[in-house]
Amino acid sequence: MPVHLSDPSPDVPARVKSKLHAFADDAQFTTKALRGARKDQLDVSTPHEVYTLGLNDITAGGGLDRAQPVGWRYLIVEGGQPIATAETAPGPDGTQEVSQFAEGPFVAATDKAVKILRKLPELEAKGFELRLLRIPALYMMALWLHAPDTDLMVPLEPSPVGKAGKRMPAEEFFNDLSELARSAALPDQPD
């Protein structure tokens, strides 16, 4: 596998699964796929650290150097098929605690992109670590393939700049985002 998956600590996936199963037991899910899922078929996979980047960071010319780690994300699978995600965030004591379960287009987009990336032999030599970059102000999420000497980005569909599922150098990714970020950052102009 050319893309390295890591965990914050060995107990986090077990805690995520425990919370997932507790929600299923108590019928607490409000989203369709999780509400209809069979508890005995639910599992978590594909852990990746989540980073966030603000609009001001991009308009100021920043890039991945300004991205802040905010937690971990896992695909939730039912019978081997991704149906949702679980995210963690640091709790008061610093341990990773489940912060949300989510469904939507980024679930399938993540799964599809990871499956493609795992088949690319040119990535194997670098030993890329899988991460996720979220830019909330632009409704943008991208897989971030990090290696000590290079970073590649894979925008996830729906992408406001297009190129969903396409690998690109981080510099190209931020060049594509810069104009969109500037226009989103402009205050509303009077007519």
C-alpha atoms as a PDB file:
ATOM      1  CA  MET A   1       0.000   0.000   0.000  1.00  0.00           C
ATOM      2  CA  PRO A   2       1.638   3.258  -1.118  1.00  0.00           C
ATOM      3  CA  VAL A   3      -0.246   5.476   1.348  1.00  0.00           C
ATOM      4  CA  HIS A   4       0.528   5.180   5.055  1.00  0.00           C
ATOM      5  CA  LEU A   5      -2.421   5.222   7.463  1.00  0.00           C
ATOM      6  CA  SER A   6      -1.680   6.115  11.052  1.00  0.00           C
ATOM      7  CA  ASP A   7      -3.608   6.508  14.290  1.00  0.00           C
ATOM      8  CA  PRO A   8      -3.169   9.003  17.124  1.00  0.00           C
ATOM      9  CA  SER A   9      -2.876   6.099  19.580  1.00  0.00           C
ATOM     10  CA  PRO A  10      -3.910   2.440  19.520  1.00  0.00           C
ATOM     11  CA  ASP A  11      -6.992   2.934  21.715  1.00  0.00           C
ATOM     12  CA  VAL A  12      -8.689   5.618  19.580  1.00  0.00           C
ATOM     13  CA  PRO A  13     -10.216   3.310  16.921  1.00  0.00           C
ATOM     14  CA  ALA A  14     -11.678   1.154  19.718  1.00  0.00           C
ATOM     15  CA  ARG A  15     -13.184   4.247  21.393  1.00  0.00           C
ATOM     16  CA  VAL A  16     -14.645   5.409  18.088  1.00  0.00           C
ATOM     17  CA  LYS A  17     -16.191   1.971  17.488  1.00  0.00           C
ATOM     18  CA  SER A  18     -17.533   1.884  21.032  1.00  0.00           C
ATOM     19  CA  LYS A  19     -19.229   5.275  20.603  1.00  0.00           C
ATOM     20  CA  LEU A  20     -20.523   4.242  17.184  1.00  0.00           C
ATOM     21  CA  HIS A  21     -22.078   1.078  18.636  1.00  0.00           C
ATOM     22  CA  ALA A  22     -23.493   2.956  21.644  1.00  0.00           C
ATOM     23  CA  PHE A  23     -25.217   5.418  19.301  1.00  0.00           C
ATOM     24  CA  ALA A  24     -26.588   2.493  17.292  1.00  0.00           C
ATOM     25  CA  ASP A  25     -27.843   0.762  20.473  1.00  0.00           C
ATOM     26  CA  ASP A  26     -29.639   3.904  21.617  1.00  0.00           C
ATOM     27  CA  ALA A  27     -30.989   4.781  18.131  1.00  0.00           C
ATOM     28  CA  GLN A  28     -29.323   8.218  18.388  1.00  0.00           C
ATOM     29  CA  PHE A  29     -28.341   8.611  14.730  1.00  0.00           C
ATOM     30  CA  THR A  30     -30.207  11.304  12.838  1.00  0.00           C
ATOM     31  CA  THR A  31     -28.696  10.620   9.415  1.00  0.00           C
ATOM     32  CA  LYS A  32     -30.302   8.113   7.050  1.00  0.00           C
ATOM     33  CA  ALA A  33     -27.450   5.676   6.374  1.00  0.00           C
ATOM     34  CA  LEU A  34     -26.377   5.393  10.000  1.00  0.00           C
ATOM     35  CA  ARG A  35     -29.944   5.203  11.271  1.00  0.00           C
ATOM     36  CA  GLY A  36     -30.605   2.253   8.945  1.00  0.00           C
ATOM     37  CA  ALA A  37     -27.260   0.497   9.505  1.00  0.00           C
ATOM     38  CA  ARG A  38     -26.905  -2.859  11.196  1.00  0.00           C
ATOM     39  CA  LYS A  39     -24.740  -2.489  14.291  1.00  0.00           C
ATOM     40  CA  ASP A  40     -23.047  -5.857  13.797  1.00  0.00           C
ATOM     41  CA  GLN A  41     -21.925  -4.726  10.322  1.00  0.00           C
ATOM     42  CA  LEU A  42     -20.412  -1.369  11.400  1.00  0.00           C
ATOM     43  CA  ASP A  43     -16.679  -0.838  11.560  1.00  0.00           C
ATOM     44  CA  VAL A  44     -14.162   1.999  11.139  1.00  0.00           C
ATOM     45  CA  SER A  45     -11.334   2.189   8.619  1.00  0.00           C
ATOM     46  CA  THR A  46      -8.902   4.507   6.844  1.00  0.00           C
ATOM     47  CA  PRO A  47      -7.769   6.737   9.730  1.00  0.00           C
ATOM     48  CA  HIS A  48      -6.321  10.093   8.735  1.00  0.00           C
ATOM     49  CA  GLU A  49      -5.445  13.226  10.645  1.00  0.00           C
ATOM     50  CA  VAL A  50      -7.607  16.282   9.924  1.00  0.00           C
ATOM     51  CA  TYR A  51      -6.128  19.748   9.443  1.00  0.00           C
ATOM     52  CA  THR A  52      -7.998  22.985   8.951  1.00  0.00           C
ATOM     53  CA  LEU A  53      -6.981  26.145   7.166  1.00  0.00           C
ATOM     54  CA  GLY A  54      -8.657  29.533   7.376  1.00  0.00           C
ATOM     55  CA  LEU A  55      -9.555  31.784   4.497  1.00  0.00           C
ATOM     56  CA  ASN A  56      -7.253  34.522   5.817  1.00  0.00           C
ATOM     57  CA  ASP A  57      -4.359  32.069   5.788  1.00  0.00           C
ATOM     58  CA  ILE A  58      -4.844  31.485   2.072  1.00  0.00           C
ATOM     59  CA  THR A  59      -5.375  35.140   1.138  1.00  0.00           C
ATOM     60  CA  ALA A  60      -2.192  36.009   3.051  1.00  0.00           C
ATOM     61  CA  GLY A  61      -0.281  33.614   0.795  1.00  0.00           C
ATOM     62  CA  GLY A  62      -0.065  30.795   3.317  1.00  0.00           C
ATOM     63  CA  GLY A  63      -0.248  27.146   2.537  1.00  0.00           C
ATOM     64  CA  LEU A  64       0.147  23.881   4.368  1.00  0.00           C
ATOM     65  CA  ASP A  65       2.549  25.537   6.801  1.00  0.00           C
ATOM     66  CA  ARG A  66      -0.480  27.309   8.326  1.00  0.00           C
ATOM     67  CA  ALA A  67      -2.734  24.243   8.515  1.00  0.00           C
ATOM     68  CA  GLN A  68      -3.679  23.339  12.085  1.00  0.00           C
ATOM     69  CA  PRO A  69      -4.314  19.761  13.256  1.00  0.00           C
ATOM     70  CA  VAL A  70      -7.818  19.475  14.729  1.00  0.00           C
ATOM     71  CA  GLY A  71      -8.439  15.742  15.123  1.00  0.00           C
ATOM     72  CA  TRP A  72      -8.806  12.463  13.281  1.00  0.00           C
ATOM     73  CA  ARG A  73     -11.291  11.127  10.758  1.00  0.00           C
ATOM     74  CA  TYR A  74     -12.349   7.556  10.036  1.00  0.00           C
ATOM     75  CA  LEU A  75     -14.552   6.105   7.361  1.00  0.00           C
ATOM     76  CA  ILE A  76     -17.485   4.195   8.861  1.00  0.00           C
ATOM     77  CA  VAL A  77     -18.186   1.083   6.847  1.00  0.00           C
ATOM     78  CA  GLU A  78     -21.174  -1.204   6.873  1.00  0.00           C
ATOM     79  CA  GLY A  79     -20.404  -4.605   5.427  1.00  0.00           C
ATOM     80  CA  GLY A  80     -17.239  -3.161   3.885  1.00  0.00           C
ATOM     81  CA  GLN A  81     -19.013  -0.227   2.168  1.00  0.00           C
ATOM     82  CA  PRO A  82     -18.379   3.353   3.381  1.00  0.00           C
ATOM     83  CA  ILE A  83     -21.560   5.048   4.609  1.00  0.00           C
ATOM     84  CA  ALA A  84     -20.355   7.848   6.891  1.00  0.00           C
ATOM     85  CA  THR A  85     -17.400   9.295   8.763  1.00  0.00           C
ATOM     86  CA  ALA A  86     -16.509   9.647  12.425  1.00  0.00           C
ATOM     87  CA  GLU A  87     -14.315  12.492  13.599  1.00  0.00           C
ATOM     88  CA  THR A  88     -12.448  13.002  16.815  1.00  0.00           C
ATOM     89  CA  ALA A  89     -11.122  16.101  18.525  1.00  0.00           C
ATOM     90  CA  PRO A  90      -8.907  16.528  21.569  1.00  0.00           C
ATOM     91  CA  GLY A  91     -10.868  16.331  24.821  1.00  0.00           C
ATOM     92  CA  PRO A  92     -10.043  18.370  27.954  1.00  0.00           C
ATOM     93  CA  ASP A  93      -7.372  15.864  28.940  1.00  0.00           C
ATOM     94  CA  GLY A  94      -5.846  15.790  25.443  1.00  0.00           C
ATOM     95  CA  THR A  95      -7.207  12.372  24.463  1.00  0.00           C
ATOM     96  CA  GLN A  96      -9.084  12.052  21.205  1.00  0.00           C
ATOM     97  CA  GLU A  97     -12.871  11.955  21.735  1.00  0.00           C
ATOM     98  CA  VAL A  98     -15.584  11.410  19.131  1.00  0.00           C
ATOM     99  CA  SER A  99     -16.853  14.834  18.083  1.00  0.00           C
ATOM    100  CA  GLN A 100     -19.195  13.970  15.212  1.00  0.00           C
ATOM    101  CA  PHE A 101     -20.604  11.430  12.802  1.00  0.00           C
ATOM    102  CA  ALA A 102     -21.309  12.706   9.288  1.00  0.00           C
ATOM    103  CA  GLU A 103     -22.680  11.601   5.955  1.00  0.00           C
ATOM    104  CA  GLY A 104     -22.581  13.312   2.596  1.00  0.00           C
ATOM    105  CA  PRO A 105     -20.651  13.531  -0.664  1.00  0.00           C
ATOM    106  CA  PHE A 106     -17.208  13.659   0.941  1.00  0.00           C
ATOM    107  CA  VAL A 107     -17.620  10.099   2.280  1.00  0.00           C
ATOM    108  CA  ALA A 108     -17.802   8.453  -1.143  1.00  0.00           C
ATOM    109  CA  ALA A 109     -15.263  10.918  -2.572  1.00  0.00           C
ATOM    110  CA  THR A 110     -12.748  10.006   0.139  1.00  0.00           C
ATOM    111  CA  ASP A 111     -13.222   6.286  -0.385  1.00  0.00           C
ATOM    112  CA  LYS A 112     -12.929   6.572  -4.167  1.00  0.00           C
ATOM    113  CA  ALA A 113      -9.779   8.713  -4.012  1.00  0.00           C
ATOM    114  CA  VAL A 114      -8.073   6.470  -1.432  1.00  0.00           C
ATOM    115  CA  LYS A 115      -8.771   3.352  -3.522  1.00  0.00           C
ATOM    116  CA  ILE A 116      -7.198   5.005  -6.562  1.00  0.00           C
ATOM    117  CA  LEU A 117      -4.191   6.274  -4.594  1.00  0.00           C
ATOM    118  CA  ARG A 118      -3.505   2.840  -3.116  1.00  0.00           C
ATOM    119  CA  LYS A 119      -2.993   1.469  -6.629  1.00  0.00           C
ATOM    120  CA  LEU A 120      -0.394   4.023  -7.727  1.00  0.00           C
ATOM    121  CA  PRO A 121       3.101   2.502  -7.589  1.00  0.00           C
ATOM    122  CA  GLU A 122       4.782   5.894  -8.020  1.00  0.00           C
ATOM    123  CA  LEU A 123       3.546   6.878  -4.567  1.00  0.00           C
ATOM    124  CA  GLU A 124       4.989   3.811  -2.846  1.00  0.00           C
ATOM    125  CA  ALA A 125       8.617   4.949  -2.895  1.00  0.00           C
ATOM    126  CA  LYS A 126       7.790   8.182  -1.071  1.00  0.00           C
ATOM    127  CA  GLY A 127       5.793   6.598   1.776  1.00  0.00           C
ATOM    128  CA  PHE A 128       3.107   9.286   1.839  1.00  0.00           C
ATOM    129  CA  GLU A 129       1.043   9.787   4.985  1.00  0.00           C
ATOM    130  CA  LEU A 130      -2.677  10.273   4.373  1.00  0.00           C
ATOM    131  CA  ARG A 131      -4.145  13.453   5.866  1.00  0.00           C
ATOM    132  CA  LEU A 132      -7.235  15.575   5.233  1.00  0.00           C
ATOM    133  CA  LEU A 133      -7.231  19.338   4.714  1.00  0.00           C
ATOM    134  CA  ARG A 134     -10.480  21.177   5.391  1.00  0.00           C
ATOM    135  CA  ILE A 135     -11.083  24.783   4.338  1.00  0.00           C
ATOM    136  CA  PRO A 136     -14.545  25.501   5.784  1.00  0.00           C
ATOM    137  CA  ALA A 137     -15.014  28.974   4.270  1.00  0.00           C
ATOM    138  CA  LEU A 138     -14.711  27.490   0.767  1.00  0.00           C
ATOM    139  CA  TYR A 139     -16.576  24.215   1.456  1.00  0.00           C
ATOM    140  CA  MET A 140     -13.353  22.540   0.395  1.00  0.00           C
ATOM    141  CA  MET A 141     -11.874  19.248   1.483  1.00  0.00           C
ATOM    142  CA  ALA A 142      -8.813  17.600  -0.002  1.00  0.00           C
ATOM    143  CA  LEU A 143      -6.754  14.557   0.775  1.00  0.00           C
ATOM    144  CA  TRP A 144      -3.254  15.634   1.664  1.00  0.00           C
ATOM    145  CA  LEU A 145      -0.465  13.192   0.846  1.00  0.00           C
ATOM    146  CA  HIS A 146       2.446  14.217   3.021  1.00  0.00           C
ATOM    147  CA  ALA A 147       6.035  13.047   2.697  1.00  0.00           C
ATOM    148  CA  PRO A 148       9.136  14.667   4.196  1.00  0.00           C
ATOM    149  CA  ASP A 149      10.160  16.277   0.897  1.00  0.00           C
ATOM    150  CA  THR A 150       6.873  16.757  -0.940  1.00  0.00           C
ATOM    151  CA  ASP A 151       3.141  17.267  -0.491  1.00  0.00           C
ATOM    152  CA  LEU A 152       0.422  16.325  -2.949  1.00  0.00           C
ATOM    153  CA  MET A 153      -3.223  17.348  -2.775  1.00  0.00           C
ATOM    154  CA  VAL A 154      -6.307  15.537  -4.069  1.00  0.00           C
ATOM    155  CA  PRO A 155      -9.428  17.758  -4.014  1.00  0.00           C
ATOM    156  CA  LEU A 156     -12.550  15.843  -3.011  1.00  0.00           C
ATOM    157  CA  GLU A 157     -15.808  16.157  -4.878  1.00  0.00           C
ATOM    158  CA  PRO A 158     -17.615  18.505  -4.736  1.00  0.00           C
ATOM    159  CA  SER A 159     -14.640  20.804  -5.248  1.00  0.00           C
ATOM    160  CA  PRO A 160     -15.136  24.548  -5.751  1.00  0.00           C
ATOM    161  CA  VAL A 161     -12.075  24.638  -8.019  1.00  0.00           C
ATOM    162  CA  GLY A 162     -12.778  21.459  -9.960  1.00  0.00           C
ATOM    163  CA  LYS A 163     -10.068  18.822 -10.380  1.00  0.00           C
ATOM    164  CA  ALA A 164     -11.852  16.485  -7.943  1.00  0.00           C
ATOM    165  CA  GLY A 165      -9.902  13.277  -7.505  1.00  0.00           C
ATOM    166  CA  LYS A 166      -6.833  14.594  -9.347  1.00  0.00           C
ATOM    167  CA  ARG A 167      -3.402  14.566  -7.699  1.00  0.00           C
ATOM    168  CA  MET A 168      -1.536  17.855  -7.816  1.00  0.00           C
ATOM    169  CA  PRO A 169       1.426  19.481  -6.116  1.00  0.00           C
ATOM    170  CA  ALA A 170       0.464  21.614  -3.118  1.00  0.00           C
ATOM    171  CA  GLU A 171       1.700  24.759  -4.888  1.00  0.00           C
ATOM    172  CA  GLU A 172      -0.682  24.197  -7.808  1.00  0.00           C
ATOM    173  CA  PHE A 173      -3.539  23.454  -5.405  1.00  0.00           C
ATOM    174  CA  PHE A 174      -3.025  26.743  -3.556  1.00  0.00           C
ATOM    175  CA  ASN A 175      -2.613  28.701  -6.805  1.00  0.00           C
ATOM    176  CA  ASP A 176      -6.002  27.356  -7.895  1.00  0.00           C
ATOM    177  CA  LEU A 177      -7.533  28.282  -4.536  1.00  0.00           C
ATOM    178  CA  SER A 178      -6.047  31.747  -4.182  1.00  0.00           C
ATOM    179  CA  GLU A 179      -8.444  33.581  -6.533  1.00  0.00           C
ATOM    180  CA  LEU A 180     -11.464  31.825  -5.056  1.00  0.00           C
ATOM    181  CA  ALA A 181     -10.253  32.682  -1.557  1.00  0.00           C
ATOM    182  CA  ARG A 182      -9.747  36.343  -2.451  1.00  0.00           C
ATOM    183  CA  SER A 183     -13.227  36.654  -3.935  1.00  0.00           C
ATOM    184  CA  ALA A 184     -14.773  34.881  -0.931  1.00  0.00           C
ATOM    185  CA  ALA A 185     -12.895  37.167   1.465  1.00  0.00           C
ATOM    186  CA  LEU A 186     -14.079  40.392  -0.142  1.00  0.00           C
ATOM    187  CA  PRO A 187     -16.782  42.202   1.826  1.00  0.00           C
ATOM    188  CA  ASP A 188     -20.134  42.660   0.130  1.00  0.00           C
ATOM    189  CA  GLN A 189     -20.056  45.673  -2.167  1.00  0.00           C
ATOM    190  CA  PRO A 190     -23.011  48.078  -2.342  1.00  0.00           C
ATOM    191  CA  ASP A 191     -24.909  48.114  -5.667  1.00  0.00           C
END
